Amino acid sequence: MSISSVVALIRRVLSPGGDLTERAVTSGVWVAITNVVDRVLQLAMVLLVARLIGPDSYGVMALALVVMSALTKLSRLGIDAALIQREADDVDAYLDTAWMMQNARGLVVAAILFVSAPIVASPVVFDEPQLAPVLRVLALSPLLSGLQNPGLLYLKKDLRFDKQFAYTLSGTVFYVAVAVVVAFLTRSVWALVLGLVASDFVRLVASYFVADYRPRPRFDLDHARELFGYGKWIFASGVVLFLIMEGDDAFVGWYLGTAVVGLYQLAYRVSNAPATEVTQTISSVIFPTYSKMQSDDRRLRDGFFKTVQLTTFVSFPIAVGIAAVAPTFVDTFLTEQWDAMVPMIQLLAAWGLLRSLGATTGPLFQAIGKPDIPTKIQFGKLVIIAAFIYPATARYGAVGTGLVIVGNSLVFSEPVSTYLATRAVDGSYARLLRLVAYPAVPSALMGIAVVAVHRMGVATGIVEFTLLVLVGVVVYGVLALALERFSEYDSVALCRRLARTVVS
């Protein structure tokens, strides 16, 4: 095969077009490429910066991001989701109003961040003096985000994730470059702070290159009411989701201190990175795809189960593999200051697996016009966390916090959400459980094999890490092929069909 034919093939694979199925598959390829490149760059940067600045300084940034996330999620309006959910292709009439609401929100969040910074940094809350100036600089972030082109939502609505790639990666490249340079120069938390602000500025500029729409300062009260009518459940979900996703970080920082929250937050980032990519890929592609097939019950049901099948086929071995290689990973890529992070990584990897499974249900509920269901489930989850987080953390430290988070997802939120999603598409829960069980067995055996090789001590450092990854990939691949040969499980064949769809 010549170079020109390879280039032509790649162009055909990555060119949006065709029917909904082909566009969804091509979009999935683009989202996967975007998320993988984005997260690999960010994770490599974070590991390098973490080595240079240590858990204490990293913990300051973790607390700052918790505060900023609180304000952004507590003010989330759900406008993009409301417009993407609409079956109409053209939503230009709403975009100016959406942009004005977006800007107002950014201004309010920035003002609150700037004014409240000394209080948040005081002994009354986190007792961390470095936090005040960090928060005041980070106040630029919501301002810049609010000014972004509202036409960006068309990239998701129309499944144009090729343009989303350019938008996302432009900010990430600047984030990594600025953070690494400042880290070597200052060995301080300002590396992460300035890198984040730089990435937001670059994405603001990029948003007007990748989206053709040009907003004007116009506001329509009727359109605003209509958007908020749908978005109120997204807003409520954002409030509850913050308390679930970020509340544990805030509690660990308040109760155990800055250094421990630095360990806990980085453990979460490492353990959940691959699962987060699966989650984001699914949410980005499946929500607009489901929205376009919401009136076709059979296609919606088949799409849901195929999504669960592919998600678990990928996320199960990744989560088990992360837990198995955690000791080698920390020894290889970080310093002794971070050793206490190992059990946190192993525990939170299970949460990453459960989150990726839950990611199949949220987009479905939003697409069929029932965004209240995830909100109600998350509220129940929040009640359970609030009841157990203090005693568990007091007894077992940050590991106890992780136990509450993982246990909650395992026995409550994910079983309930998957059951309700299965009912929503008139499917069989037994079928869903079979799809989940199939990759669980080879993943468990793979984990046992990786741990056994690690205990043999045949290598150290990067050589051992590479060896363990290869062992995991080979063992899982062989077991998955064997399972497909002697059962009705067909995830490998499904991947082949998707690849042929993309190529053709």
Foldseek 3Di string as FASTA:
>chain_A
DDPVVVVVLVCLLQDADDDLLLLLLSLLVLLLVLLVVLLVLVLLLCLVLCQLQDLQQLLLVLLLVLLLLLLCLLLFQCLLLLVLLDLDLDPVVLQQQVLLSQQVSLVVSLVCQLVCLVVCCPLVAQVHVVNSVLSNLLSLQSNLVSLARSQVSSCLSVSVSVLVSVLSVQLSVQLSVQLVVVCVVPSGSVSNSVSSSSSSNRSRVSRCVSGPDDHDNDHDPVSSVSSSVLRVLSSLLSNLVSCLVSVLLSVLSRPVHSSVSSLLVSLLSQLQSVLVSLLVSCLSSVLSSCSNCVVPLVVNLVVLLLSLLLLLLPLLLSLLLQLLCQQQVCVFRHDPSNNVSNLSNNLSNLVSSLVSNLSSQQSNCSNNSNSNVSSVQSVVLSVQLVVQQVVQCVVPNSSSNSCSSNVSSVPGRSVVRVVVSCVVSVHDVVSSVVSNVLLNVLSVVLSVVLNVLVVVCPDHHPVNSVVSVVSSVVSSVVSSVVSVVPDVRQNVVVVVVSVVSSSD
